N, C-alpha and C. Protein backbone atom coordinates (compact mmCIF):
# COMPACT_ATOMS: atom_id res chain seq x y z
N UNK A 1 0.84 -1.19 0.00
CA UNK A 1 0.00 0.00 0.00
C UNK A 1 0.87 1.24 0.00
N UNK A 2 0.49 2.22 -0.80
CA UNK A 2 1.19 3.50 -0.81
C UNK A 2 0.89 4.23 0.49
N UNK A 3 1.94 4.53 1.27
CA UNK A 3 1.72 5.14 2.57
C UNK A 3 1.52 6.64 2.52
N UNK A 4 1.62 7.24 1.35
CA UNK A 4 1.47 8.69 1.25
C UNK A 4 0.03 9.09 1.50
N UNK A 5 -0.13 10.20 2.21
CA UNK A 5 -1.46 10.75 2.43
C UNK A 5 -1.55 12.09 1.74
N UNK A 6 -2.73 12.44 1.29
CA UNK A 6 -2.95 13.77 0.72
C UNK A 6 -4.02 14.45 1.52
N UNK A 7 -3.98 15.77 1.58
CA UNK A 7 -4.96 16.48 2.38
C UNK A 7 -6.08 17.02 1.51
N UNK A 8 -7.29 16.88 2.00
CA UNK A 8 -8.48 17.37 1.33
C UNK A 8 -9.34 18.06 2.38
N UNK A 9 -9.51 19.36 2.23
CA UNK A 9 -10.31 20.12 3.19
C UNK A 9 -9.82 19.91 4.63
N UNK A 10 -8.50 19.86 4.80
CA UNK A 10 -7.94 19.74 6.13
C UNK A 10 -7.89 18.34 6.68
N UNK A 11 -8.35 17.35 5.92
CA UNK A 11 -8.30 15.96 6.35
C UNK A 11 -7.36 15.18 5.44
N UNK A 12 -6.82 14.09 5.95
CA UNK A 12 -5.85 13.30 5.19
C UNK A 12 -6.45 11.99 4.71
N UNK A 13 -6.15 11.67 3.45
CA UNK A 13 -6.64 10.44 2.84
C UNK A 13 -5.50 9.78 2.07
N UNK A 14 -5.59 8.47 1.84
CA UNK A 14 -4.57 7.82 1.00
C UNK A 14 -4.59 8.39 -0.41
N UNK A 15 -3.44 8.36 -1.06
CA UNK A 15 -3.38 8.79 -2.46
C UNK A 15 -4.27 7.89 -3.30
N UNK A 16 -5.02 8.48 -4.22
CA UNK A 16 -5.82 7.67 -5.14
C UNK A 16 -4.89 6.87 -6.05
N UNK A 17 -5.30 5.64 -6.36
CA UNK A 17 -4.55 4.83 -7.29
C UNK A 17 -4.64 5.47 -8.68
N UNK A 18 -3.51 5.52 -9.38
CA UNK A 18 -3.47 6.20 -10.68
C UNK A 18 -4.45 5.61 -11.68
N UNK A 19 -4.80 4.35 -11.51
CA UNK A 19 -5.68 3.70 -12.47
C UNK A 19 -7.08 4.28 -12.54
N UNK A 20 -7.49 5.01 -11.49
CA UNK A 20 -8.83 5.61 -11.51
C UNK A 20 -8.87 6.89 -12.34
N UNK A 21 -7.71 7.50 -12.58
CA UNK A 21 -7.67 8.72 -13.37
C UNK A 21 -8.63 9.78 -12.86
N UNK A 22 -9.26 10.49 -13.79
CA UNK A 22 -10.21 11.54 -13.43
C UNK A 22 -11.49 11.03 -12.79
N UNK A 23 -11.75 9.74 -12.90
CA UNK A 23 -12.96 9.17 -12.27
C UNK A 23 -12.91 9.35 -10.75
N UNK A 24 -11.71 9.29 -10.18
CA UNK A 24 -11.58 9.45 -8.73
C UNK A 24 -12.02 10.84 -8.30
N UNK A 25 -11.61 11.86 -9.04
CA UNK A 25 -11.99 13.23 -8.71
C UNK A 25 -13.51 13.39 -8.81
N UNK A 26 -14.07 12.81 -9.84
CA UNK A 26 -15.52 12.91 -10.06
C UNK A 26 -16.30 12.22 -8.94
N UNK A 27 -15.81 11.09 -8.49
CA UNK A 27 -16.51 10.32 -7.45
C UNK A 27 -16.31 10.92 -6.06
N UNK A 28 -15.15 11.50 -5.81
CA UNK A 28 -14.79 11.92 -4.45
C UNK A 28 -15.00 13.40 -4.19
N UNK A 29 -14.72 14.25 -5.19
CA UNK A 29 -14.75 15.69 -4.96
C UNK A 29 -15.99 16.38 -5.51
N UNK A 30 -16.41 16.00 -6.67
CA UNK A 30 -17.53 16.69 -7.32
C UNK A 30 -18.16 15.72 -8.31
N UNK A 31 -19.36 16.03 -8.75
CA UNK A 31 -20.02 15.21 -9.77
C UNK A 31 -20.53 16.15 -10.85
N UNK A 32 -19.86 16.15 -12.00
CA UNK A 32 -20.22 17.07 -13.06
C UNK A 32 -21.30 16.47 -13.95
N UNK A 33 -21.73 17.26 -14.90
CA UNK A 33 -22.74 16.76 -15.84
C UNK A 33 -22.15 15.75 -16.82
N UNK A 34 -20.84 15.54 -16.74
CA UNK A 34 -20.18 14.57 -17.61
C UNK A 34 -19.93 13.25 -16.89
N UNK A 35 -20.72 12.98 -15.84
CA UNK A 35 -20.53 11.76 -15.05
C UNK A 35 -20.76 10.50 -15.88
N UNK A 36 -21.38 10.63 -17.06
CA UNK A 36 -21.69 9.45 -17.86
C UNK A 36 -20.44 8.67 -18.23
N UNK A 37 -19.30 9.34 -18.35
CA UNK A 37 -18.07 8.62 -18.69
C UNK A 37 -17.60 7.80 -17.49
N UNK A 38 -17.67 8.38 -16.29
CA UNK A 38 -17.33 7.63 -15.08
C UNK A 38 -18.32 6.49 -14.89
N UNK A 39 -19.58 6.74 -15.16
CA UNK A 39 -20.62 5.71 -15.05
C UNK A 39 -20.31 4.54 -15.98
N UNK A 40 -19.96 4.84 -17.22
CA UNK A 40 -19.65 3.78 -18.19
C UNK A 40 -18.38 3.03 -17.78
N UNK A 41 -17.40 3.76 -17.27
CA UNK A 41 -16.16 3.15 -16.80
C UNK A 41 -16.46 2.13 -15.70
N UNK A 42 -17.30 2.52 -14.73
CA UNK A 42 -17.64 1.63 -13.62
C UNK A 42 -18.53 0.48 -14.07
N UNK A 43 -19.47 0.74 -14.97
CA UNK A 43 -20.35 -0.33 -15.47
C UNK A 43 -19.53 -1.49 -16.01
N UNK A 44 -18.55 -1.16 -16.84
CA UNK A 44 -17.77 -2.22 -17.47
C UNK A 44 -16.82 -2.88 -16.48
N UNK A 45 -16.18 -2.07 -15.63
CA UNK A 45 -15.21 -2.61 -14.68
C UNK A 45 -15.89 -3.51 -13.64
N UNK A 46 -17.09 -3.10 -13.20
CA UNK A 46 -17.83 -3.87 -12.18
C UNK A 46 -18.69 -4.97 -12.79
N UNK A 47 -18.78 -4.99 -14.12
CA UNK A 47 -19.65 -5.94 -14.82
C UNK A 47 -21.08 -5.81 -14.32
N UNK A 48 -21.52 -4.54 -14.21
CA UNK A 48 -22.89 -4.23 -13.79
C UNK A 48 -23.48 -3.29 -14.84
N UNK A 49 -24.01 -3.87 -15.88
CA UNK A 49 -24.43 -3.09 -17.05
C UNK A 49 -25.58 -2.14 -16.76
N UNK A 50 -26.31 -2.37 -15.66
CA UNK A 50 -27.45 -1.51 -15.34
C UNK A 50 -27.10 -0.41 -14.33
N UNK A 51 -25.85 -0.36 -13.90
CA UNK A 51 -25.44 0.64 -12.91
C UNK A 51 -25.70 2.04 -13.43
N UNK A 52 -26.28 2.89 -12.59
CA UNK A 52 -26.65 4.25 -12.99
C UNK A 52 -26.25 5.24 -11.90
N UNK A 53 -25.54 6.30 -12.29
CA UNK A 53 -25.09 7.30 -11.33
C UNK A 53 -26.03 8.49 -11.21
N UNK A 54 -27.13 8.48 -11.92
CA UNK A 54 -28.06 9.62 -11.87
C UNK A 54 -28.50 9.87 -10.43
N UNK A 55 -28.34 11.11 -9.99
CA UNK A 55 -28.73 11.47 -8.63
C UNK A 55 -27.58 11.45 -7.64
N UNK A 56 -26.41 10.95 -8.07
CA UNK A 56 -25.25 10.92 -7.17
C UNK A 56 -24.57 12.26 -7.14
N UNK A 57 -24.23 12.72 -5.94
CA UNK A 57 -23.44 13.92 -5.75
C UNK A 57 -22.36 13.62 -4.72
N UNK A 58 -21.10 13.86 -5.07
CA UNK A 58 -20.00 13.59 -4.14
C UNK A 58 -20.17 14.36 -2.84
N UNK A 59 -20.78 15.54 -2.93
CA UNK A 59 -20.98 16.35 -1.73
C UNK A 59 -21.94 15.73 -0.73
N UNK A 60 -22.70 14.73 -1.15
CA UNK A 60 -23.66 14.08 -0.24
C UNK A 60 -23.07 12.88 0.49
N UNK A 61 -21.80 12.58 0.24
CA UNK A 61 -21.15 11.48 0.98
C UNK A 61 -21.09 11.82 2.46
N UNK A 62 -21.50 10.87 3.31
CA UNK A 62 -21.34 11.07 4.75
C UNK A 62 -19.86 10.89 5.08
N UNK A 63 -19.47 11.22 6.30
CA UNK A 63 -18.07 11.09 6.70
C UNK A 63 -17.59 9.65 6.54
N UNK A 64 -18.38 8.70 7.01
CA UNK A 64 -17.96 7.30 6.91
C UNK A 64 -17.93 6.82 5.47
N UNK A 65 -18.89 7.27 4.67
CA UNK A 65 -18.89 6.91 3.25
C UNK A 65 -17.68 7.50 2.54
N UNK A 66 -17.34 8.73 2.88
CA UNK A 66 -16.19 9.39 2.24
C UNK A 66 -14.89 8.66 2.60
N UNK A 67 -14.75 8.25 3.85
CA UNK A 67 -13.56 7.52 4.26
C UNK A 67 -13.45 6.20 3.50
N UNK A 68 -14.56 5.48 3.39
CA UNK A 68 -14.54 4.21 2.69
C UNK A 68 -14.29 4.41 1.20
N UNK A 69 -14.89 5.43 0.62
CA UNK A 69 -14.66 5.74 -0.78
C UNK A 69 -13.17 6.00 -1.02
N UNK A 70 -12.55 6.79 -0.13
CA UNK A 70 -11.12 7.09 -0.26
C UNK A 70 -10.29 5.82 -0.15
N UNK A 71 -10.67 4.94 0.78
CA UNK A 71 -9.94 3.69 0.97
C UNK A 71 -9.98 2.83 -0.29
N UNK A 72 -11.15 2.75 -0.91
CA UNK A 72 -11.29 1.92 -2.12
C UNK A 72 -10.56 2.56 -3.30
N UNK A 73 -10.63 3.88 -3.41
CA UNK A 73 -9.96 4.57 -4.52
C UNK A 73 -8.44 4.49 -4.40
N UNK A 74 -7.94 4.14 -3.22
CA UNK A 74 -6.50 3.95 -3.05
C UNK A 74 -6.04 2.61 -3.64
N UNK A 75 -7.00 1.76 -3.96
CA UNK A 75 -6.69 0.42 -4.48
C UNK A 75 -6.78 0.39 -6.01
N UNK A 76 -6.16 -0.59 -6.59
CA UNK A 76 -6.18 -0.74 -8.04
C UNK A 76 -7.60 -0.97 -8.54
N UNK A 77 -7.98 -0.33 -9.63
CA UNK A 77 -9.30 -0.58 -10.21
C UNK A 77 -9.44 -2.01 -10.69
N UNK A 78 -10.41 -2.72 -10.17
CA UNK A 78 -10.68 -4.09 -10.61
C UNK A 78 -12.14 -4.41 -10.30
N UNK A 79 -12.54 -5.62 -10.53
CA UNK A 79 -13.94 -6.01 -10.32
C UNK A 79 -14.39 -5.73 -8.88
N UNK A 80 -13.57 -6.12 -7.91
CA UNK A 80 -13.95 -5.96 -6.50
C UNK A 80 -14.04 -4.50 -6.10
N UNK A 81 -13.01 -3.72 -6.43
CA UNK A 81 -13.02 -2.31 -6.02
C UNK A 81 -14.13 -1.53 -6.74
N UNK A 82 -14.36 -1.85 -8.02
CA UNK A 82 -15.42 -1.17 -8.75
C UNK A 82 -16.79 -1.47 -8.15
N UNK A 83 -17.00 -2.71 -7.73
CA UNK A 83 -18.29 -3.05 -7.11
C UNK A 83 -18.44 -2.38 -5.74
N UNK A 84 -17.33 -2.20 -5.03
CA UNK A 84 -17.39 -1.46 -3.78
C UNK A 84 -17.81 -0.02 -4.01
N UNK A 85 -17.24 0.60 -5.04
CA UNK A 85 -17.61 1.98 -5.38
C UNK A 85 -19.08 2.07 -5.78
N UNK A 86 -19.55 1.15 -6.62
CA UNK A 86 -20.95 1.22 -7.05
C UNK A 86 -21.89 1.03 -5.87
N UNK A 87 -21.49 0.23 -4.89
CA UNK A 87 -22.31 0.03 -3.69
C UNK A 87 -22.44 1.34 -2.90
N UNK A 88 -21.35 2.06 -2.76
CA UNK A 88 -21.39 3.35 -2.05
C UNK A 88 -22.23 4.35 -2.82
N UNK A 89 -22.04 4.41 -4.13
CA UNK A 89 -22.79 5.36 -4.96
C UNK A 89 -24.30 5.11 -4.83
N UNK A 90 -24.70 3.85 -4.87
CA UNK A 90 -26.13 3.54 -4.74
C UNK A 90 -26.66 3.97 -3.37
N UNK A 91 -25.86 3.79 -2.33
CA UNK A 91 -26.27 4.18 -0.98
C UNK A 91 -26.50 5.69 -0.91
N UNK A 92 -25.58 6.45 -1.50
CA UNK A 92 -25.72 7.91 -1.49
C UNK A 92 -26.96 8.34 -2.25
N UNK A 93 -27.19 7.72 -3.40
CA UNK A 93 -28.39 8.05 -4.20
C UNK A 93 -29.66 7.76 -3.40
N UNK A 94 -29.64 6.70 -2.62
CA UNK A 94 -30.81 6.31 -1.82
C UNK A 94 -30.93 7.10 -0.51
N UNK A 95 -30.03 8.05 -0.30
CA UNK A 95 -30.11 8.88 0.90
C UNK A 95 -29.59 8.21 2.16
N UNK A 96 -28.88 7.10 2.01
CA UNK A 96 -28.32 6.39 3.16
C UNK A 96 -26.98 7.02 3.56
N UNK A 97 -26.63 6.92 4.84
CA UNK A 97 -25.38 7.50 5.32
C UNK A 97 -24.44 6.46 5.93
N UNK A 98 -24.95 5.26 6.19
CA UNK A 98 -24.12 4.22 6.80
C UNK A 98 -23.37 3.44 5.71
N UNK A 99 -22.41 2.65 6.15
CA UNK A 99 -21.64 1.83 5.21
C UNK A 99 -21.78 0.35 5.57
N UNK A 100 -21.52 -0.49 4.61
CA UNK A 100 -21.54 -1.93 4.85
C UNK A 100 -20.32 -2.32 5.67
N UNK A 101 -20.55 -3.01 6.77
CA UNK A 101 -19.43 -3.45 7.62
C UNK A 101 -18.55 -4.45 6.88
N UNK A 102 -19.16 -5.29 6.06
CA UNK A 102 -18.39 -6.26 5.28
C UNK A 102 -17.47 -5.55 4.29
N UNK A 103 -17.99 -4.51 3.65
CA UNK A 103 -17.19 -3.74 2.70
C UNK A 103 -16.08 -3.00 3.42
N UNK A 104 -16.41 -2.41 4.57
CA UNK A 104 -15.40 -1.70 5.36
C UNK A 104 -14.29 -2.64 5.79
N UNK A 105 -14.65 -3.85 6.18
CA UNK A 105 -13.65 -4.81 6.65
C UNK A 105 -12.70 -5.20 5.53
N UNK A 106 -13.23 -5.26 4.31
CA UNK A 106 -12.40 -5.63 3.17
C UNK A 106 -11.32 -4.59 2.89
N UNK A 107 -11.57 -3.34 3.32
CA UNK A 107 -10.61 -2.25 3.08
C UNK A 107 -10.09 -1.66 4.38
N UNK A 108 -10.08 -2.49 5.45
CA UNK A 108 -9.67 -2.02 6.77
C UNK A 108 -8.25 -1.48 6.78
N UNK A 109 -7.37 -2.13 6.03
CA UNK A 109 -5.96 -1.69 6.00
C UNK A 109 -5.85 -0.24 5.55
N UNK A 110 -6.68 0.14 4.60
CA UNK A 110 -6.65 1.50 4.08
C UNK A 110 -7.40 2.46 4.99
N UNK A 111 -8.51 2.00 5.55
CA UNK A 111 -9.28 2.85 6.46
C UNK A 111 -8.47 3.20 7.70
N UNK A 112 -7.62 2.29 8.13
CA UNK A 112 -6.87 2.52 9.36
C UNK A 112 -5.83 3.62 9.24
N UNK A 113 -5.47 4.01 8.01
CA UNK A 113 -4.46 5.07 7.86
C UNK A 113 -5.10 6.45 7.75
N UNK A 114 -6.43 6.50 7.74
CA UNK A 114 -7.12 7.79 7.63
C UNK A 114 -7.33 8.36 9.03
N UNK A 115 -6.66 9.46 9.39
CA UNK A 115 -6.84 10.03 10.72
C UNK A 115 -8.25 10.62 10.88
N UNK A 116 -8.68 10.71 12.12
CA UNK A 116 -9.98 11.29 12.42
C UNK A 116 -9.86 12.80 12.60
N UNK A 117 -10.48 13.57 11.71
CA UNK A 117 -10.57 15.03 11.85
C UNK A 117 -9.22 15.68 12.14
N UNK A 118 -8.22 15.35 11.35
CA UNK A 118 -6.90 15.94 11.56
C UNK A 118 -6.87 17.37 11.04
N UNK A 119 -6.39 18.30 11.88
CA UNK A 119 -6.24 19.68 11.45
C UNK A 119 -5.11 19.77 10.44
N UNK A 120 -5.25 20.65 9.48
CA UNK A 120 -4.20 20.86 8.50
C UNK A 120 -3.09 21.68 9.15
N UNK A 121 -1.92 21.08 9.36
CA UNK A 121 -0.85 21.77 10.08
C UNK A 121 0.29 22.21 9.17
N UNK A 122 0.31 21.72 7.95
CA UNK A 122 1.29 22.22 7.00
C UNK A 122 0.71 22.08 5.60
N UNK A 123 1.33 22.76 4.66
CA UNK A 123 0.77 22.81 3.31
C UNK A 123 0.81 21.45 2.65
N UNK A 124 -0.22 21.16 1.89
CA UNK A 124 -0.24 19.91 1.14
C UNK A 124 0.76 20.00 0.01
N UNK A 125 1.40 18.90 -0.26
CA UNK A 125 2.33 18.86 -1.38
C UNK A 125 1.58 18.46 -2.63
N UNK A 126 1.78 19.21 -3.70
CA UNK A 126 1.12 18.87 -4.97
C UNK A 126 1.74 17.59 -5.51
N UNK A 127 0.88 16.76 -6.11
CA UNK A 127 1.35 15.49 -6.67
C UNK A 127 1.55 15.67 -8.16
N UNK A 128 2.77 15.45 -8.61
CA UNK A 128 3.08 15.61 -10.03
C UNK A 128 3.48 14.28 -10.62
N UNK A 129 3.00 14.01 -11.79
CA UNK A 129 3.40 12.80 -12.50
C UNK A 129 4.65 13.11 -13.32
N UNK A 130 5.48 12.11 -13.50
CA UNK A 130 6.60 12.25 -14.41
C UNK A 130 6.07 12.33 -15.83
N UNK A 131 6.84 12.95 -16.67
CA UNK A 131 6.44 13.05 -18.07
C UNK A 131 6.25 11.65 -18.62
N UNK A 132 5.07 11.28 -19.08
CA UNK A 132 4.85 9.92 -19.54
C UNK A 132 5.45 9.67 -20.91
N UNK A 133 5.73 8.41 -21.21
CA UNK A 133 6.18 8.04 -22.54
C UNK A 133 5.00 8.07 -23.48
N UNK A 134 5.28 8.09 -24.77
CA UNK A 134 4.21 8.11 -25.76
C UNK A 134 3.52 6.75 -25.85
N UNK A 135 4.26 5.68 -25.51
CA UNK A 135 3.75 4.31 -25.71
C UNK A 135 2.35 4.06 -25.15
N UNK A 136 2.01 4.50 -23.92
CA UNK A 136 0.67 4.22 -23.40
C UNK A 136 -0.45 4.83 -24.22
N UNK A 137 -0.12 5.80 -25.06
CA UNK A 137 -1.13 6.43 -25.91
C UNK A 137 -1.59 5.51 -27.03
N UNK A 138 -0.68 4.68 -27.50
CA UNK A 138 -0.93 3.95 -28.74
C UNK A 138 -2.23 3.14 -28.75
N UNK A 139 -2.50 2.30 -27.73
CA UNK A 139 -3.74 1.52 -27.79
C UNK A 139 -4.99 2.40 -27.83
N UNK A 140 -4.98 3.48 -27.04
CA UNK A 140 -6.16 4.36 -27.02
C UNK A 140 -6.33 5.07 -28.36
N UNK A 141 -5.23 5.58 -28.91
CA UNK A 141 -5.33 6.29 -30.18
C UNK A 141 -5.70 5.36 -31.32
N UNK A 142 -5.23 4.12 -31.28
CA UNK A 142 -5.63 3.15 -32.31
C UNK A 142 -7.13 2.90 -32.27
N UNK A 143 -7.66 2.73 -31.06
CA UNK A 143 -9.11 2.52 -30.92
C UNK A 143 -9.88 3.77 -31.32
N UNK A 144 -9.40 4.94 -30.89
CA UNK A 144 -10.08 6.19 -31.24
C UNK A 144 -10.13 6.37 -32.75
N UNK A 145 -9.04 6.00 -33.43
CA UNK A 145 -9.02 6.10 -34.89
C UNK A 145 -10.06 5.19 -35.52
N UNK A 146 -10.18 3.97 -35.01
CA UNK A 146 -11.18 3.03 -35.53
C UNK A 146 -12.60 3.51 -35.27
N UNK A 147 -12.78 4.19 -34.14
CA UNK A 147 -14.11 4.65 -33.74
C UNK A 147 -14.43 6.05 -34.27
N UNK A 148 -13.51 6.64 -35.01
CA UNK A 148 -13.68 7.99 -35.55
C UNK A 148 -13.89 9.01 -34.42
N UNK A 149 -13.18 8.81 -33.32
CA UNK A 149 -13.29 9.68 -32.15
C UNK A 149 -12.15 10.68 -32.18
N UNK A 150 -12.44 11.99 -32.24
CA UNK A 150 -11.36 12.99 -32.25
C UNK A 150 -10.67 13.08 -30.90
N UNK A 151 -9.35 13.24 -30.93
CA UNK A 151 -8.56 13.32 -29.70
C UNK A 151 -7.47 14.38 -29.88
N UNK A 152 -7.44 15.36 -28.99
CA UNK A 152 -6.36 16.34 -28.97
C UNK A 152 -5.38 15.91 -27.88
N UNK A 153 -4.14 15.62 -28.28
CA UNK A 153 -3.14 15.08 -27.36
C UNK A 153 -2.23 16.19 -26.84
N UNK A 154 -2.11 16.28 -25.53
CA UNK A 154 -1.23 17.24 -24.86
C UNK A 154 -0.25 16.45 -23.98
N UNK A 155 0.79 17.10 -23.45
CA UNK A 155 1.80 16.36 -22.68
C UNK A 155 1.24 15.53 -21.52
N UNK A 156 0.24 16.05 -20.81
CA UNK A 156 -0.27 15.32 -19.64
C UNK A 156 -1.78 15.11 -19.66
N UNK A 157 -2.42 15.47 -20.75
CA UNK A 157 -3.86 15.21 -20.82
C UNK A 157 -4.32 15.09 -22.27
N UNK A 158 -5.51 14.50 -22.41
CA UNK A 158 -6.12 14.36 -23.72
C UNK A 158 -7.50 15.02 -23.68
N UNK A 159 -7.81 15.78 -24.72
CA UNK A 159 -9.15 16.34 -24.86
C UNK A 159 -9.97 15.42 -25.75
N UNK A 160 -11.12 15.00 -25.25
CA UNK A 160 -12.01 14.13 -26.02
C UNK A 160 -13.45 14.53 -25.70
N UNK A 161 -14.39 14.26 -26.60
CA UNK A 161 -15.81 14.43 -26.25
C UNK A 161 -16.24 13.26 -25.37
N UNK A 162 -16.33 13.50 -24.07
CA UNK A 162 -16.56 12.41 -23.12
C UNK A 162 -17.90 11.71 -23.34
N UNK A 163 -18.91 12.43 -23.81
CA UNK A 163 -20.20 11.80 -24.05
C UNK A 163 -20.07 10.73 -25.13
N UNK A 164 -19.32 11.03 -26.18
CA UNK A 164 -19.11 10.05 -27.25
C UNK A 164 -18.27 8.89 -26.75
N UNK A 165 -17.27 9.19 -25.92
CA UNK A 165 -16.44 8.11 -25.35
C UNK A 165 -17.28 7.19 -24.48
N UNK A 166 -18.18 7.78 -23.68
CA UNK A 166 -19.04 6.98 -22.80
C UNK A 166 -19.94 6.05 -23.61
N UNK A 167 -20.40 6.51 -24.76
CA UNK A 167 -21.26 5.67 -25.60
C UNK A 167 -20.51 4.43 -26.08
N UNK A 168 -19.23 4.60 -26.39
CA UNK A 168 -18.42 3.45 -26.81
C UNK A 168 -18.12 2.54 -25.63
N UNK A 169 -17.94 3.12 -24.43
CA UNK A 169 -17.72 2.29 -23.23
C UNK A 169 -18.97 1.50 -22.87
N UNK A 170 -20.12 1.97 -23.34
CA UNK A 170 -21.39 1.27 -23.12
C UNK A 170 -21.79 0.42 -24.32
N UNK A 171 -20.88 0.21 -25.25
CA UNK A 171 -21.19 -0.55 -26.46
C UNK A 171 -21.66 -1.96 -26.13
N UNK A 172 -22.60 -2.50 -26.90
CA UNK A 172 -23.01 -3.90 -26.71
C UNK A 172 -21.91 -4.89 -27.08
N UNK A 173 -20.87 -4.41 -27.77
CA UNK A 173 -19.74 -5.25 -28.16
C UNK A 173 -18.78 -5.35 -26.97
N UNK A 174 -18.78 -6.49 -26.29
CA UNK A 174 -17.97 -6.65 -25.08
C UNK A 174 -16.47 -6.57 -25.39
N UNK A 175 -16.05 -7.03 -26.56
CA UNK A 175 -14.64 -6.96 -26.93
C UNK A 175 -14.19 -5.51 -27.04
N UNK A 176 -15.02 -4.68 -27.65
CA UNK A 176 -14.71 -3.26 -27.77
C UNK A 176 -14.68 -2.60 -26.39
N UNK A 177 -15.67 -2.89 -25.57
CA UNK A 177 -15.72 -2.31 -24.22
C UNK A 177 -14.46 -2.64 -23.44
N UNK A 178 -14.07 -3.90 -23.47
CA UNK A 178 -12.92 -4.33 -22.69
C UNK A 178 -11.62 -3.73 -23.21
N UNK A 179 -11.49 -3.66 -24.53
CA UNK A 179 -10.27 -3.07 -25.12
C UNK A 179 -10.17 -1.59 -24.78
N UNK A 180 -11.30 -0.90 -24.86
CA UNK A 180 -11.30 0.53 -24.56
C UNK A 180 -11.04 0.78 -23.08
N UNK A 181 -11.64 -0.06 -22.24
CA UNK A 181 -11.42 0.05 -20.79
C UNK A 181 -9.93 -0.13 -20.47
N UNK A 182 -9.32 -1.14 -21.07
CA UNK A 182 -7.90 -1.40 -20.82
C UNK A 182 -7.04 -0.25 -21.32
N UNK A 183 -7.39 0.31 -22.46
CA UNK A 183 -6.62 1.43 -23.01
C UNK A 183 -6.72 2.66 -22.10
N UNK A 184 -7.91 2.91 -21.54
CA UNK A 184 -8.08 4.04 -20.63
C UNK A 184 -7.30 3.82 -19.34
N UNK A 185 -7.32 2.59 -18.82
CA UNK A 185 -6.53 2.28 -17.63
C UNK A 185 -5.05 2.52 -17.88
N UNK A 186 -4.57 2.15 -19.06
CA UNK A 186 -3.16 2.39 -19.39
C UNK A 186 -2.84 3.88 -19.41
N UNK A 187 -3.77 4.67 -19.91
CA UNK A 187 -3.59 6.12 -19.90
C UNK A 187 -3.51 6.63 -18.47
N UNK A 188 -4.43 6.16 -17.62
CA UNK A 188 -4.45 6.59 -16.22
C UNK A 188 -3.14 6.23 -15.53
N UNK A 189 -2.68 5.00 -15.74
CA UNK A 189 -1.44 4.55 -15.11
C UNK A 189 -0.25 5.41 -15.54
N UNK A 190 -0.30 5.89 -16.77
CA UNK A 190 0.80 6.70 -17.30
C UNK A 190 0.70 8.16 -16.87
N UNK A 191 -0.37 8.52 -16.17
CA UNK A 191 -0.50 9.89 -15.66
C UNK A 191 -1.28 10.83 -16.55
N UNK A 192 -1.92 10.30 -17.60
CA UNK A 192 -2.73 11.16 -18.46
C UNK A 192 -4.12 11.38 -17.86
N UNK A 193 -4.64 12.58 -18.02
CA UNK A 193 -6.01 12.88 -17.63
C UNK A 193 -6.85 13.04 -18.89
N UNK A 194 -8.08 12.56 -18.83
CA UNK A 194 -9.03 12.75 -19.93
C UNK A 194 -9.90 13.96 -19.61
N UNK A 195 -9.89 14.94 -20.47
CA UNK A 195 -10.68 16.15 -20.24
C UNK A 195 -11.74 16.29 -21.32
N UNK A 196 -12.91 16.74 -20.89
CA UNK A 196 -14.02 16.83 -21.82
C UNK A 196 -13.90 18.03 -22.75
N UNK A 197 -14.17 17.79 -24.03
CA UNK A 197 -14.23 18.87 -25.03
C UNK A 197 -15.42 18.59 -25.93
N UNK A 198 -16.62 19.07 -25.52
CA UNK A 198 -17.82 18.83 -26.34
C UNK A 198 -17.65 19.46 -27.73
N UNK A 199 -18.12 18.76 -28.72
CA UNK A 199 -18.08 19.30 -30.08
C UNK A 199 -16.71 19.28 -30.74
N UNK A 200 -15.75 18.60 -30.14
CA UNK A 200 -14.42 18.54 -30.73
C UNK A 200 -14.47 17.84 -32.09
N UNK A 201 -13.80 18.40 -33.06
CA UNK A 201 -13.71 17.78 -34.39
C UNK A 201 -12.27 17.34 -34.63
N UNK A 202 -12.08 16.52 -35.64
CA UNK A 202 -10.73 16.06 -35.95
C UNK A 202 -9.85 17.24 -36.35
N UNK A 203 -10.40 18.18 -37.08
CA UNK A 203 -9.64 19.34 -37.52
C UNK A 203 -9.19 20.18 -36.33
N UNK A 204 -10.13 20.47 -35.42
CA UNK A 204 -9.78 21.29 -34.25
C UNK A 204 -8.85 20.53 -33.31
N UNK A 205 -9.00 19.20 -33.23
CA UNK A 205 -8.12 18.41 -32.38
C UNK A 205 -6.67 18.52 -32.86
N UNK A 206 -6.48 18.47 -34.16
CA UNK A 206 -5.12 18.56 -34.71
C UNK A 206 -4.53 19.94 -34.51
N UNK A 207 -5.39 20.96 -34.49
CA UNK A 207 -4.91 22.33 -34.24
C UNK A 207 -4.55 22.53 -32.77
N UNK A 208 -5.33 21.91 -31.88
CA UNK A 208 -5.15 22.11 -30.45
C UNK A 208 -4.01 21.28 -29.88
N UNK A 209 -3.86 20.04 -30.38
CA UNK A 209 -2.90 19.12 -29.79
C UNK A 209 -1.62 18.96 -30.58
N UNK A 210 -0.84 17.96 -30.18
CA UNK A 210 0.44 17.74 -30.84
C UNK A 210 0.26 16.80 -32.04
N UNK A 211 1.39 16.29 -32.54
CA UNK A 211 1.35 15.51 -33.78
C UNK A 211 0.64 14.17 -33.64
N UNK A 212 0.37 13.72 -32.40
CA UNK A 212 -0.33 12.45 -32.21
C UNK A 212 -1.86 12.62 -32.25
N UNK A 213 -2.33 13.85 -32.32
CA UNK A 213 -3.77 14.12 -32.28
C UNK A 213 -4.46 13.55 -33.50
N UNK A 214 -5.75 13.22 -33.30
CA UNK A 214 -6.55 12.62 -34.38
C UNK A 214 -7.64 13.59 -34.83
């Protein structure tokens, strides 16, 4: 387990696992109108095709739910962790504030490193990724090219129309879903963030991004 803690609103939490990418911010800090991409990401990862995030707001997490969410987000994205996240999301949508003891026990190691109401006593250190290699881009860009999805490539982030990406993540073609999911995870691991750019075209993507843009 990564022992580093990061401060959020004066409290300390484990560092999010890089594999969650921007989905972690959406689940833990805020819920934007572009949640459909996070929803599609979780649907495929948890193998819960009917999972729906409508009505979820990160600000409605209770203290115990927020601690458990942070503990799970510190772990690698996989079937178990994704299902833990979807369980918390459903509880928040239903107006519940308690957590499953069984789920909490599964992530006890991570919960135990979260201090209770710790005052912020020194400045938080910003977390910077090393400049990633181009290689992790290749699988995603190959799929984007096949799907006619425009992508503007920048050193540490990619601009894409997230609504269109979510539609492909929700594709009835399981092979496509899994390949796209794996490509996105590779991007996350390499430190790339996916940023929404509604209405992005291939022409504007090539103007905005570098030579790898589509």
